[in-house]
N, C-alpha and C. Protein backbone atom coordinates (compact mmCIF):
# COMPACT_ATOMS: atom_id res chain seq x y z
N MET A 1 178.45 126.34 14.22
CA MET A 1 177.29 125.63 13.80
C MET A 1 177.17 127.16 13.88
N ILE A 2 175.99 127.40 12.99
CA ILE A 2 175.16 128.65 12.78
C ILE A 2 173.73 129.02 13.36
N LYS A 3 173.05 129.73 13.43
CA LYS A 3 172.12 129.79 14.59
C LYS A 3 171.93 131.14 14.28
N VAL A 4 170.27 131.39 14.11
CA VAL A 4 169.90 132.84 14.25
C VAL A 4 168.64 133.09 15.21
N GLU A 5 168.91 134.47 15.35
CA GLU A 5 167.74 134.20 17.06
C GLU A 5 167.72 135.95 16.55
N ARG A 6 166.43 135.73 17.28
CA ARG A 6 166.06 137.73 17.59
C ARG A 6 166.46 138.62 18.61
N ILE A 7 166.82 139.90 18.45
CA ILE A 7 168.03 140.47 19.48
C ILE A 7 166.77 140.94 20.42
N TYR A 8 165.77 141.11 20.51
CA TYR A 8 164.94 141.20 21.46
C TYR A 8 164.52 139.95 22.54
N SER A 9 164.97 138.96 21.79
CA SER A 9 164.79 137.90 22.86
C SER A 9 165.31 137.60 23.77
N ALA A 10 165.07 136.89 24.46
CA ALA A 10 166.29 136.24 25.41
C ALA A 10 167.28 135.54 24.98
N PRO A 11 168.65 135.35 25.19
CA PRO A 11 169.76 134.61 24.37
C PRO A 11 169.05 133.47 24.54
N GLU A 12 168.68 132.28 23.71
CA GLU A 12 168.63 130.99 23.66
C GLU A 12 169.75 129.86 23.23
N SER A 13 171.02 130.22 23.15
CA SER A 13 172.18 129.61 23.05
C SER A 13 173.43 130.00 23.86
N ASP A 14 174.40 129.39 23.66
CA ASP A 14 176.12 130.07 23.79
C ASP A 14 176.56 130.34 22.46
N GLY A 15 177.31 131.26 22.09
CA GLY A 15 178.60 131.48 20.42
C GLY A 15 178.54 133.04 20.92
N PHE A 16 179.48 132.97 19.11
CA PHE A 16 179.65 134.28 19.31
C PHE A 16 178.34 134.88 18.19
N ARG A 17 177.94 136.04 19.53
CA ARG A 17 176.57 137.10 19.00
C ARG A 17 177.00 137.86 18.13
N ILE A 18 176.56 137.77 16.58
CA ILE A 18 176.39 138.64 15.78
C ILE A 18 175.55 139.53 15.39
N LEU A 19 174.83 141.33 15.54
CA LEU A 19 174.15 141.55 15.28
C LEU A 19 174.26 141.73 13.12
N VAL A 20 173.24 141.14 12.30
CA VAL A 20 173.47 141.83 11.09
C VAL A 20 173.04 142.16 10.62
N ASP A 21 172.15 143.27 11.05
CA ASP A 21 171.04 144.72 10.63
C ASP A 21 172.15 146.24 10.37
N ARG A 22 171.89 146.56 8.98
CA ARG A 22 172.46 147.60 9.37
C ARG A 22 172.15 148.74 9.84
N LEU A 23 171.04 149.06 11.19
CA LEU A 23 170.21 149.59 11.62
C LEU A 23 170.18 149.13 12.58
N TRP A 24 170.34 149.97 14.21
CA TRP A 24 170.58 149.47 15.11
C TRP A 24 169.24 149.42 15.42
N PRO A 25 168.90 148.16 16.40
CA PRO A 25 166.78 147.73 16.70
C PRO A 25 166.97 148.86 17.57
N ARG A 26 165.30 149.19 17.37
CA ARG A 26 164.30 150.60 17.81
C ARG A 26 164.18 149.93 19.57
N GLY A 27 164.47 150.77 20.40
CA GLY A 27 164.71 150.81 21.80
C GLY A 27 165.57 149.59 23.01
N LEU A 28 166.19 149.36 21.80
CA LEU A 28 167.36 148.28 22.51
C LEU A 28 168.49 149.35 22.83
N SER A 29 169.06 149.39 23.82
CA SER A 29 170.03 150.48 24.50
C SER A 29 171.86 149.48 24.32
N LYS A 30 172.25 149.60 23.54
CA LYS A 30 173.55 149.07 23.43
C LYS A 30 174.72 148.76 24.61
N ASP A 31 174.07 149.22 25.65
CA ASP A 31 174.75 148.55 26.66
C ASP A 31 174.30 147.34 27.79
N LYS A 32 173.18 147.16 26.86
CA LYS A 32 172.12 146.20 27.27
C LYS A 32 171.45 144.08 26.65
N VAL A 33 172.68 145.07 25.65
CA VAL A 33 172.37 143.67 24.60
C VAL A 33 173.09 142.46 24.38
N LYS A 34 172.95 141.52 24.49
CA LYS A 34 174.88 140.21 24.84
C LYS A 34 175.03 140.75 22.95
N LEU A 35 176.35 141.20 22.57
CA LEU A 35 177.22 141.19 21.95
C LEU A 35 178.23 140.77 21.49
N ASP A 36 178.32 140.44 20.74
CA ASP A 36 179.95 140.18 20.58
C ASP A 36 180.43 140.80 19.24
N MET A 37 179.53 141.58 18.55
CA MET A 37 179.95 142.47 16.88
C MET A 37 179.13 142.77 16.47
N TRP A 38 178.92 144.39 15.56
CA TRP A 38 177.83 144.43 14.92
C TRP A 38 178.48 144.31 13.44
N LEU A 39 178.32 143.43 13.41
CA LEU A 39 178.60 144.00 11.17
C LEU A 39 177.34 144.57 10.77
N LYS A 40 177.42 145.98 10.67
CA LYS A 40 176.03 146.27 9.76
C LYS A 40 176.62 146.36 8.44
N GLU A 41 177.59 146.74 7.97
CA GLU A 41 178.28 146.25 6.23
C GLU A 41 177.31 144.87 6.10
N ILE A 42 177.44 144.11 6.55
CA ILE A 42 176.79 143.28 5.99
C ILE A 42 175.05 143.00 5.99
N GLY A 43 174.79 143.91 5.87
CA GLY A 43 173.35 144.01 5.86
C GLY A 43 172.67 144.52 4.76
N PRO A 44 171.59 143.97 4.18
CA PRO A 44 171.99 144.26 2.73
C PRO A 44 171.19 146.44 2.89
N SER A 45 171.47 146.42 1.47
CA SER A 45 171.75 148.16 0.92
C SER A 45 170.50 148.26 1.88
N ASN A 46 170.14 149.94 1.62
CA ASN A 46 169.19 150.82 2.27
C ASN A 46 168.46 150.79 1.40
N GLU A 47 168.88 150.80 0.00
CA GLU A 47 167.16 150.28 -1.17
C GLU A 47 167.36 149.53 -1.52
N LEU A 48 168.33 148.28 -0.84
CA LEU A 48 167.34 146.65 -1.23
C LEU A 48 166.25 146.46 0.66
N ARG A 49 167.12 146.86 1.46
CA ARG A 49 166.17 147.38 2.21
C ARG A 49 164.52 147.37 2.52
N LYS A 50 164.70 148.97 2.25
CA LYS A 50 163.53 149.27 1.80
C LYS A 50 162.39 149.22 0.31
N TRP A 51 163.21 148.45 -0.17
CA TRP A 51 162.36 147.93 -1.57
C TRP A 51 161.70 146.64 -0.85
N PHE A 52 162.11 145.58 -0.07
CA PHE A 52 162.09 144.34 0.71
C PHE A 52 160.64 144.76 1.40
N GLY A 53 161.03 145.64 2.53
CA GLY A 53 159.72 145.22 3.73
C GLY A 53 159.11 144.34 4.23
N HIS A 54 159.94 143.24 4.27
CA HIS A 54 159.79 142.37 5.20
C HIS A 54 158.47 141.72 4.27
N ASP A 55 158.26 142.19 3.10
CA ASP A 55 157.15 141.33 2.15
C ASP A 55 157.20 140.06 1.91
N PRO A 56 157.21 138.63 2.35
CA PRO A 56 156.96 137.26 2.10
C PRO A 56 157.22 137.58 0.55
N ASP A 57 156.25 138.25 -0.51
CA ASP A 57 155.90 137.63 -1.45
C ASP A 57 157.45 137.83 -2.55
N LYS A 58 157.65 139.40 -1.66
CA LYS A 58 159.14 139.31 -2.69
C LYS A 58 160.48 138.54 -1.85
N TRP A 59 160.14 137.97 -1.05
CA TRP A 59 161.22 136.80 -0.69
C TRP A 59 162.29 136.21 -1.84
N ASP A 60 162.32 135.35 -2.56
CA ASP A 60 162.96 134.83 -2.98
C ASP A 60 163.76 136.49 -4.33
N GLU A 61 162.84 136.85 -4.99
CA GLU A 61 163.92 138.14 -5.03
C GLU A 61 164.37 138.89 -4.26
N PHE A 62 164.39 138.98 -3.19
CA PHE A 62 165.14 139.62 -2.12
C PHE A 62 166.30 139.02 -2.31
N LYS A 63 165.94 137.31 -1.82
CA LYS A 63 166.92 136.31 -1.68
C LYS A 63 168.53 136.54 -3.23
N ASP A 64 167.69 137.42 -3.90
CA ASP A 64 168.73 136.66 -5.04
C ASP A 64 169.63 137.70 -5.22
N LYS A 65 169.08 139.46 -4.66
CA LYS A 65 169.67 140.46 -4.79
C LYS A 65 170.11 140.62 -3.39
N PHE A 66 170.01 139.45 -2.37
CA PHE A 66 170.62 139.51 -1.26
C PHE A 66 172.20 139.18 -1.90
N PHE A 67 172.03 138.20 -1.96
CA PHE A 67 173.04 137.01 -2.83
C PHE A 67 174.29 137.73 -3.78
N GLN A 68 174.01 138.21 -4.31
CA GLN A 68 174.36 139.15 -5.35
C GLN A 68 175.44 140.66 -4.28
N GLU A 69 174.93 140.86 -3.64
CA GLU A 69 175.63 142.06 -2.98
C GLU A 69 176.57 141.45 -1.45
N LEU A 70 176.52 140.29 -0.77
CA LEU A 70 177.35 139.52 -0.37
C LEU A 70 177.91 138.82 -1.01
N ASP A 71 177.82 138.73 -2.91
CA ASP A 71 179.00 137.93 -3.20
C ASP A 71 180.12 139.20 -3.16
N GLN A 72 179.48 140.54 -2.87
CA GLN A 72 180.63 141.52 -3.26
C GLN A 72 180.97 141.56 -1.18
N LYS A 73 180.88 140.65 -0.48
CA LYS A 73 181.54 141.00 0.90
C LYS A 73 182.10 140.24 1.57
N ARG A 74 182.48 139.42 0.67
CA ARG A 74 183.54 138.38 0.92
C ARG A 74 184.58 137.93 2.42
N GLU A 75 184.68 139.37 2.12
CA GLU A 75 185.70 139.88 3.79
C GLU A 75 185.21 139.43 5.32
N LEU A 76 183.88 140.39 4.30
CA LEU A 76 183.18 140.25 5.78
C LEU A 76 182.13 138.54 5.91
N ILE A 77 181.64 137.82 4.65
CA ILE A 77 181.53 136.96 4.59
C ILE A 77 182.85 135.82 5.78
N ASP A 78 183.89 135.75 5.23
CA ASP A 78 184.99 135.31 5.55
C ASP A 78 185.06 135.37 7.34
N GLN A 79 185.01 136.49 7.74
CA GLN A 79 185.20 136.16 9.14
C GLN A 79 184.04 135.94 9.75
N ILE A 80 182.43 135.86 9.61
CA ILE A 80 181.94 134.75 9.84
C ILE A 80 182.50 133.44 9.71
N VAL A 81 182.91 132.41 9.00
CA VAL A 81 182.92 131.99 8.11
C VAL A 81 183.83 131.45 9.75
N ALA A 82 184.81 132.01 9.46
CA ALA A 82 185.79 131.24 10.84
C ALA A 82 186.12 132.01 11.91
N ARG A 83 184.81 132.31 12.52
CA ARG A 83 184.28 132.25 13.49
C ARG A 83 183.43 131.15 13.84
N ALA A 84 182.75 130.61 12.70
CA ALA A 84 181.94 129.02 12.70
C ALA A 84 182.65 128.33 13.05
N LYS A 85 183.80 127.93 11.75
CA LYS A 85 184.55 127.06 12.00
C LYS A 85 185.21 127.23 13.42
N GLU A 86 185.77 128.02 14.68
CA GLU A 86 185.96 127.55 15.81
C GLU A 86 184.82 127.58 16.62
N GLY A 87 182.95 127.90 16.29
CA GLY A 87 182.41 127.58 17.45
C GLY A 87 180.75 127.82 17.21
N ASP A 88 180.21 127.58 17.45
CA ASP A 88 178.82 128.56 17.37
C ASP A 88 178.78 130.01 16.71
N VAL A 89 178.46 130.27 16.12
CA VAL A 89 177.77 131.69 15.42
C VAL A 89 176.28 132.09 15.69
N ILE A 90 175.67 132.79 15.98
CA ILE A 90 174.73 133.43 16.48
C ILE A 90 174.48 134.87 15.93
N LEU A 91 173.94 134.22 14.31
CA LEU A 91 173.14 135.43 13.85
C LEU A 91 172.13 136.64 14.76
N LEU A 92 172.29 137.75 15.11
CA LEU A 92 171.07 138.45 15.46
C LEU A 92 170.32 139.02 14.20
N PHE A 93 169.15 139.54 14.89
CA PHE A 93 168.28 140.82 13.69
C PHE A 93 166.99 141.30 14.10
N GLY A 94 166.62 142.40 13.90
CA GLY A 94 165.18 142.57 14.49
C GLY A 94 164.39 142.67 14.38
N ALA A 95 164.12 142.16 12.65
CA ALA A 95 162.44 142.30 12.32
C ALA A 95 161.87 141.29 13.21
N LYS A 96 160.73 141.57 13.16
CA LYS A 96 159.42 140.29 13.55
C LYS A 96 159.44 139.70 13.21
N ASP A 97 159.58 139.66 11.60
CA ASP A 97 158.93 138.74 10.98
C ASP A 97 160.48 136.80 11.22
N GLU A 98 160.59 136.16 11.86
CA GLU A 98 161.31 135.64 11.81
C GLU A 98 161.43 133.97 10.56
N GLU A 99 161.38 134.11 9.66
CA GLU A 99 161.80 133.75 8.74
C GLU A 99 162.27 134.07 7.38
N HIS A 100 161.20 135.60 6.92
CA HIS A 100 161.68 135.80 5.94
C HIS A 100 162.69 137.19 6.14
N ASN A 101 163.35 137.27 5.98
CA ASN A 101 165.00 138.46 7.62
C ASN A 101 166.16 138.15 6.52
N ASN A 102 166.75 139.72 6.66
CA ASN A 102 168.41 139.29 6.18
C ASN A 102 169.80 138.21 6.58
N ALA A 103 168.73 137.95 8.06
CA ALA A 103 169.49 136.69 8.96
C ALA A 103 169.33 135.46 8.54
N VAL A 104 168.48 135.26 8.49
CA VAL A 104 167.82 134.06 7.97
C VAL A 104 168.90 133.75 6.39
N ALA A 105 168.48 134.45 5.56
CA ALA A 105 169.35 134.98 3.84
C ALA A 105 170.67 134.52 4.52
N LEU A 106 170.98 135.51 5.10
CA LEU A 106 172.35 135.17 5.95
C LEU A 106 173.42 134.16 6.05
N LYS A 107 172.21 133.46 7.10
CA LYS A 107 172.55 132.16 7.24
C LYS A 107 172.53 130.99 6.37
N GLU A 108 172.15 130.66 5.36
CA GLU A 108 171.38 130.60 4.32
C GLU A 108 172.67 130.44 3.39
N TYR A 109 172.97 131.88 3.31
CA TYR A 109 174.28 132.06 1.59
C TYR A 109 175.17 131.82 2.11
N ILE A 110 175.70 131.97 3.62
CA ILE A 110 176.58 131.56 4.44
C ILE A 110 177.12 129.78 4.38
N GLU A 111 176.37 128.80 4.71
CA GLU A 111 175.90 127.88 5.06
C GLU A 111 176.00 127.09 3.48
N ASN A 112 175.90 127.69 2.45
CA ASN A 112 175.74 127.60 1.13
C ASN A 112 177.44 127.72 0.40
N ARG A 113 178.20 128.41 0.95
CA ARG A 113 179.31 129.17 0.81
C ARG A 113 180.40 127.46 1.54
N MET A 114 179.54 127.35 2.67
CA MET A 114 180.81 126.84 3.67
C MET A 114 180.76 125.22 3.02
N LYS A 115 179.78 125.02 2.34
CA LYS A 115 179.05 123.07 1.72
C LYS A 115 180.66 123.39 0.32
N ILE A 116 180.51 124.72 -0.10
CA ILE A 116 181.39 124.93 -1.86
C ILE A 116 182.71 124.49 -1.13
N GLN A 117 183.15 124.99 0.43
CA GLN A 117 184.65 125.27 0.62
C GLN A 117 185.17 123.39 1.10
N LEU A 118 184.62 123.38 1.69
CA LEU A 118 184.61 121.49 1.42
C LEU A 118 185.23 120.41 1.09
């Protein structure tokens, strides 16, 4: 199962915890965060991240563009899918908006890909 959590919140569940932001979250010390992996390369490109700016009005277009980027990162997606087949995976993000962020979009992308593989 794939879950999404904000990295600033206390861990809500057990699982393999992956930070999926390209940038390290502000104000957090790397040695104090409960994290198993930082997969920054899977985050949206700097250009896409800046264009989106967490604007909910751009959400659908952001997802389309981000999914196109993810299509080129199959090895990284495969790493997450393999972990998800072994147990729970928690995709961590730093954004304040808990509904419109790259981790939510990534979860949707991976779950759709896993359905196709079944």
